[in-house]
Amino acid sequence: MSSLDGLFTVIGIGRDPTEQTPIHYECRRCGKTLSKRDTVCPLCGSTDVAEIQL
């Protein structure tokens, strides 16, 4: 295993294209980055959360 493969393993980024695509969660109103668990933006109170595949 190369050092790069080890790094990807540690931070949880897959290099296999068949793995699930990472998703970025963001408030549509103010643009704050949210976690997968957030349903309400802590900054502006909006419940409109975008799920963006990376």
PDB file of N, CA and C in Angstrom:
ATOM      1  N   MET A   1       0.848  -1.169   0.000  1.00  0.00           N
ATOM      2  CA  MET A   1       0.000   0.000   0.000  1.00  0.00           C
ATOM      3  C   MET A   1       0.899   1.239   0.000  1.00  0.00           C
ATOM      4  N   SER A   2       0.589   2.169  -0.863  1.00  0.00           N
ATOM      5  CA  SER A   2       1.365   3.402  -0.917  1.00  0.00           C
ATOM      6  C   SER A   2       0.945   4.336   0.213  1.00  0.00           C
ATOM      7  N   SER A   3       1.744   5.344   0.453  1.00  0.00           N
ATOM      8  CA  SER A   3       1.412   6.341   1.480  1.00  0.00           C
ATOM      9  C   SER A   3       0.108   7.046   1.139  1.00  0.00           C
ATOM     10  N   LEU A   4      -0.109   7.287  -0.143  1.00  0.00           N
ATOM     11  CA  LEU A   4      -1.333   7.953  -0.573  1.00  0.00           C
ATOM     12  C   LEU A   4      -2.553   7.080  -0.291  1.00  0.00           C
ATOM     13  N   ASP A   5      -2.462   5.787  -0.567  1.00  0.00           N
ATOM     14  CA  ASP A   5      -3.561   4.871  -0.257  1.00  0.00           C
ATOM     15  C   ASP A   5      -3.845   4.863   1.238  1.00  0.00           C
ATOM     16  N   GLY A   6      -2.793   4.878   2.048  1.00  0.00           N
ATOM     17  CA  GLY A   6      -2.956   4.906   3.496  1.00  0.00           C
ATOM     18  C   GLY A   6      -3.664   6.163   3.954  1.00  0.00           C
ATOM     19  N   LEU A   7      -3.314   7.292   3.358  1.00  0.00           N
ATOM     20  CA  LEU A   7      -3.959   8.557   3.696  1.00  0.00           C
ATOM     21  C   LEU A   7      -5.437   8.526   3.336  1.00  0.00           C
ATOM     22  N   PHE A   8      -5.763   8.034   2.153  1.00  0.00           N
ATOM     23  CA  PHE A   8      -7.162   7.939   1.749  1.00  0.00           C
ATOM     24  C   PHE A   8      -7.946   7.032   2.689  1.00  0.00           C
ATOM     25  N   THR A   9      -7.329   5.963   3.157  1.00  0.00           N
ATOM     26  CA  THR A   9      -7.980   5.053   4.090  1.00  0.00           C
ATOM     27  C   THR A   9      -8.255   5.752   5.414  1.00  0.00           C
ATOM     28  N   VAL A  10      -7.287   6.507   5.909  1.00  0.00           N
ATOM     29  CA  VAL A  10      -7.430   7.194   7.195  1.00  0.00           C
ATOM     30  C   VAL A  10      -8.519   8.257   7.141  1.00  0.00           C
ATOM     31  N   ILE A  11      -8.574   9.037   6.062  1.00  0.00           N
ATOM     32  CA  ILE A  11      -9.561  10.115   6.001  1.00  0.00           C
ATOM     33  C   ILE A  11     -10.883   9.671   5.390  1.00  0.00           C
ATOM     34  N   GLY A  12     -10.969   8.437   4.965  1.00  0.00           N
ATOM     35  CA  GLY A  12     -12.238   7.884   4.511  1.00  0.00           C
ATOM     36  C   GLY A  12     -12.644   8.229   3.098  1.00  0.00           C
ATOM     37  N   ILE A  13     -11.701   8.525   2.251  1.00  0.00           N
ATOM     38  CA  ILE A  13     -12.025   8.805   0.852  1.00  0.00           C
ATOM     39  C   ILE A  13     -11.704   7.563   0.037  1.00  0.00           C
ATOM     40  N   GLY A  14     -12.701   7.056  -0.653  1.00  0.00           N
ATOM     41  CA  GLY A  14     -12.481   5.873  -1.477  1.00  0.00           C
ATOM     42  C   GLY A  14     -11.931   6.237  -2.837  1.00  0.00           C
ATOM     43  N   ARG A  15     -11.119   5.365  -3.375  1.00  0.00           N
ATOM     44  CA  ARG A  15     -10.587   5.589  -4.717  1.00  0.00           C
ATOM     45  C   ARG A  15     -11.285   4.699  -5.729  1.00  0.00           C
ATOM     46  N   ASP A  16     -12.115   3.791  -5.250  1.00  0.00           N
ATOM     47  CA  ASP A  16     -12.843   2.877  -6.118  1.00  0.00           C
ATOM     48  C   ASP A  16     -14.093   3.587  -6.644  1.00  0.00           C
ATOM     49  N   PRO A  17     -14.235   3.721  -7.960  1.00  0.00           N
ATOM     50  CA  PRO A  17     -15.390   4.443  -8.507  1.00  0.00           C
ATOM     51  C   PRO A  17     -16.733   3.783  -8.204  1.00  0.00           C
ATOM     52  N   THR A  18     -16.746   2.522  -7.769  1.00  0.00           N
ATOM     53  CA  THR A  18     -18.010   1.862  -7.439  1.00  0.00           C
ATOM     54  C   THR A  18     -18.476   2.210  -6.028  1.00  0.00           C
ATOM     55  N   GLU A  19     -17.611   2.848  -5.239  1.00  0.00           N
ATOM     56  CA  GLU A  19     -18.007   3.250  -3.895  1.00  0.00           C
ATOM     57  C   GLU A  19     -19.003   4.402  -3.972  1.00  0.00           C
ATOM     58  N   GLN A  20     -19.752   4.584  -2.900  1.00  0.00           N
ATOM     59  CA  GLN A  20     -20.766   5.631  -2.858  1.00  0.00           C
ATOM     60  C   GLN A  20     -20.120   7.012  -3.005  1.00  0.00           C
ATOM     61  N   THR A  21     -20.747   7.862  -3.804  1.00  0.00           N
ATOM     62  CA  THR A  21     -20.264   9.215  -4.034  1.00  0.00           C
ATOM     63  C   THR A  21     -20.431  10.046  -2.765  1.00  0.00           C
ATOM     64  N   PRO A  22     -19.394  10.808  -2.373  1.00  0.00           N
ATOM     65  CA  PRO A  22     -19.537  11.667  -1.200  1.00  0.00           C
ATOM     66  C   PRO A  22     -20.582  12.753  -1.443  1.00  0.00           C
ATOM     67  N   ILE A  23     -21.273  13.144  -0.395  1.00  0.00           N
ATOM     68  CA  ILE A  23     -22.312  14.164  -0.495  1.00  0.00           C
ATOM     69  C   ILE A  23     -21.957  15.332   0.415  1.00  0.00           C
ATOM     70  N   HIS A  24     -22.097  16.538  -0.112  1.00  0.00           N
ATOM     71  CA  HIS A  24     -21.872  17.781   0.630  1.00  0.00           C
ATOM     72  C   HIS A  24     -23.239  18.347   0.985  1.00  0.00           C
ATOM     73  N   TYR A  25     -23.432  18.706   2.250  1.00  0.00           N
ATOM     74  CA  TYR A  25     -24.700  19.271   2.715  1.00  0.00           C
ATOM     75  C   TYR A  25     -24.503  20.756   2.965  1.00  0.00           C
ATOM     76  N   GLU A  26     -25.421  21.559   2.420  1.00  0.00           N
ATOM     77  CA  GLU A  26     -25.276  23.010   2.499  1.00  0.00           C
ATOM     78  C   GLU A  26     -26.644  23.671   2.611  1.00  0.00           C
ATOM     79  N   CYS A  27     -26.722  24.732   3.428  1.00  0.00           N
ATOM     80  CA  CYS A  27     -27.959  25.503   3.557  1.00  0.00           C
ATOM     81  C   CYS A  27     -28.187  26.273   2.260  1.00  0.00           C
ATOM     82  N   ARG A  28     -29.380  26.160   1.704  1.00  0.00           N
ATOM     83  CA  ARG A  28     -29.683  26.867   0.452  1.00  0.00           C
ATOM     84  C   ARG A  28     -29.856  28.366   0.674  1.00  0.00           C
ATOM     85  N   ARG A  29     -30.217  28.770   1.883  1.00  0.00           N
ATOM     86  CA  ARG A  29     -30.447  30.188   2.147  1.00  0.00           C
ATOM     87  C   ARG A  29     -29.137  30.952   2.354  1.00  0.00           C
ATOM     88  N   CYS A  30     -28.262  30.447   3.238  1.00  0.00           N
ATOM     89  CA  CYS A  30     -27.060  31.218   3.577  1.00  0.00           C
ATOM     90  C   CYS A  30     -25.756  30.588   3.098  1.00  0.00           C
ATOM     91  N   GLY A  31     -25.779  29.316   2.664  1.00  0.00           N
ATOM     92  CA  GLY A  31     -24.583  28.677   2.127  1.00  0.00           C
ATOM     93  C   GLY A  31     -23.693  27.996   3.149  1.00  0.00           C
ATOM     94  N   LYS A  32     -24.114  27.959   4.416  1.00  0.00           N
ATOM     95  CA  LYS A  32     -23.301  27.313   5.457  1.00  0.00           C
ATOM     96  C   LYS A  32     -23.218  25.814   5.195  1.00  0.00           C
ATOM     97  N   THR A  33     -22.024  25.254   5.360  1.00  0.00           N
ATOM     98  CA  THR A  33     -21.834  23.817   5.239  1.00  0.00           C
ATOM     99  C   THR A  33     -22.426  23.140   6.466  1.00  0.00           C
ATOM    100  N   LEU A  34     -23.208  22.092   6.240  1.00  0.00           N
ATOM    101  CA  LEU A  34     -23.881  21.377   7.322  1.00  0.00           C
ATOM    102  C   LEU A  34     -23.418  19.933   7.360  1.00  0.00           C
ATOM    103  N   SER A  35     -23.720  19.255   8.454  1.00  0.00           N
ATOM    104  CA  SER A  35     -23.420  17.830   8.547  1.00  0.00           C
ATOM    105  C   SER A  35     -24.617  17.038   8.035  1.00  0.00           C
ATOM    106  N   LYS A  36     -24.421  15.759   7.856  1.00  0.00           N
ATOM    107  CA  LYS A  36     -25.494  14.887   7.375  1.00  0.00           C
ATOM    108  C   LYS A  36     -26.669  14.885   8.354  1.00  0.00           C
ATOM    109  N   ARG A  37     -26.376  15.075   9.636  1.00  0.00           N
ATOM    110  CA  ARG A  37     -27.414  15.028  10.674  1.00  0.00           C
ATOM    111  C   ARG A  37     -28.219  16.310  10.780  1.00  0.00           C
ATOM    112  N   ASP A  38     -27.696  17.425  10.270  1.00  0.00           N
ATOM    113  CA  ASP A  38     -28.384  18.710  10.407  1.00  0.00           C
ATOM    114  C   ASP A  38     -29.632  18.760   9.532  1.00  0.00           C
ATOM    115  N   THR A  39     -30.744  19.128  10.147  1.00  0.00           N
ATOM    116  CA  THR A  39     -31.983  19.338   9.391  1.00  0.00           C
ATOM    117  C   THR A  39     -32.380  20.805   9.411  1.00  0.00           C
ATOM    118  N   VAL A  40     -31.765  21.568  10.327  1.00  0.00           N
ATOM    119  CA  VAL A  40     -32.004  23.004  10.442  1.00  0.00           C
ATOM    120  C   VAL A  40     -30.649  23.699  10.482  1.00  0.00           C
ATOM    121  N   CYS A  41     -30.500  24.756   9.711  1.00  0.00           N
ATOM    122  CA  CYS A  41     -29.249  25.511   9.697  1.00  0.00           C
ATOM    123  C   CYS A  41     -29.106  26.269  11.020  1.00  0.00           C
ATOM    124  N   PRO A  42     -27.996  26.068  11.737  1.00  0.00           N
ATOM    125  CA  PRO A  42     -27.814  26.769  13.004  1.00  0.00           C
ATOM    126  C   PRO A  42     -27.530  28.263  12.826  1.00  0.00           C
ATOM    127  N   LEU A  43     -27.163  28.677  11.621  1.00  0.00           N
ATOM    128  CA  LEU A  43     -26.830  30.072  11.367  1.00  0.00           C
ATOM    129  C   LEU A  43     -28.067  30.920  11.053  1.00  0.00           C
ATOM    130  N   CYS A  44     -28.932  30.413  10.159  1.00  0.00           N
ATOM    131  CA  CYS A  44     -30.083  31.226   9.737  1.00  0.00           C
ATOM    132  C   CYS A  44     -31.436  30.607  10.071  1.00  0.00           C
ATOM    133  N   GLY A  45     -31.451  29.341  10.510  1.00  0.00           N
ATOM    134  CA  GLY A  45     -32.708  28.699  10.895  1.00  0.00           C
ATOM    135  C   GLY A  45     -33.477  28.054   9.753  1.00  0.00           C
ATOM    136  N   SER A  46     -32.938  28.086   8.557  1.00  0.00           N
ATOM    137  CA  SER A  46     -33.618  27.496   7.403  1.00  0.00           C
ATOM    138  C   SER A  46     -33.620  25.969   7.485  1.00  0.00           C
ATOM    139  N   THR A  47     -34.679  25.366   6.971  1.00  0.00           N
ATOM    140  CA  THR A  47     -34.752  23.906   6.882  1.00  0.00           C
ATOM    141  C   THR A  47     -34.510  23.431   5.453  1.00  0.00           C
ATOM    142  N   ASP A  48     -34.151  24.349   4.561  1.00  0.00           N
ATOM    143  CA  ASP A  48     -33.904  24.020   3.156  1.00  0.00           C
ATOM    144  C   ASP A  48     -32.434  23.639   2.987  1.00  0.00           C
ATOM    145  N   VAL A  49     -32.151  22.336   3.044  1.00  0.00           N
ATOM    146  CA  VAL A  49     -30.783  21.825   2.980  1.00  0.00           C
ATOM    147  C   VAL A  49     -30.550  21.154   1.630  1.00  0.00           C
ATOM    148  N   ALA A  50     -29.485  21.569   0.951  1.00  0.00           N
ATOM    149  CA  ALA A  50     -29.123  20.977  -0.339  1.00  0.00           C
ATOM    150  C   ALA A  50     -28.185  19.801  -0.111  1.00  0.00           C
ATOM    151  N   GLU A  51     -28.384  18.731  -0.874  1.00  0.00           N
ATOM    152  CA  GLU A  51     -27.487  17.575  -0.878  1.00  0.00           C
ATOM    153  C   GLU A  51     -26.793  17.561  -2.234  1.00  0.00           C
ATOM    154  N   ILE A  52     -25.497  17.852  -2.228  1.00  0.00           N
ATOM    155  CA  ILE A  52     -24.741  17.988  -3.470  1.00  0.00           C
ATOM    156  C   ILE A  52     -23.754  16.836  -3.588  1.00  0.00           C
ATOM    157  N   GLN A  53     -23.909  16.014  -4.633  1.00  0.00           N
ATOM    158  CA  GLN A  53     -22.965  14.917  -4.850  1.00  0.00           C
ATOM    159  C   GLN A  53     -21.663  15.484  -5.381  1.00  0.00           C
ATOM    160  N   LEU A  54     -20.562  15.026  -4.801  1.00  0.00           N
ATOM    161  CA  LEU A  54     -19.241  15.512  -5.218  1.00  0.00           C
ATOM    162  C   LEU A  54     -18.607  14.560  -6.206  1.00  0.00           C
TER     163      LEU A  54
END
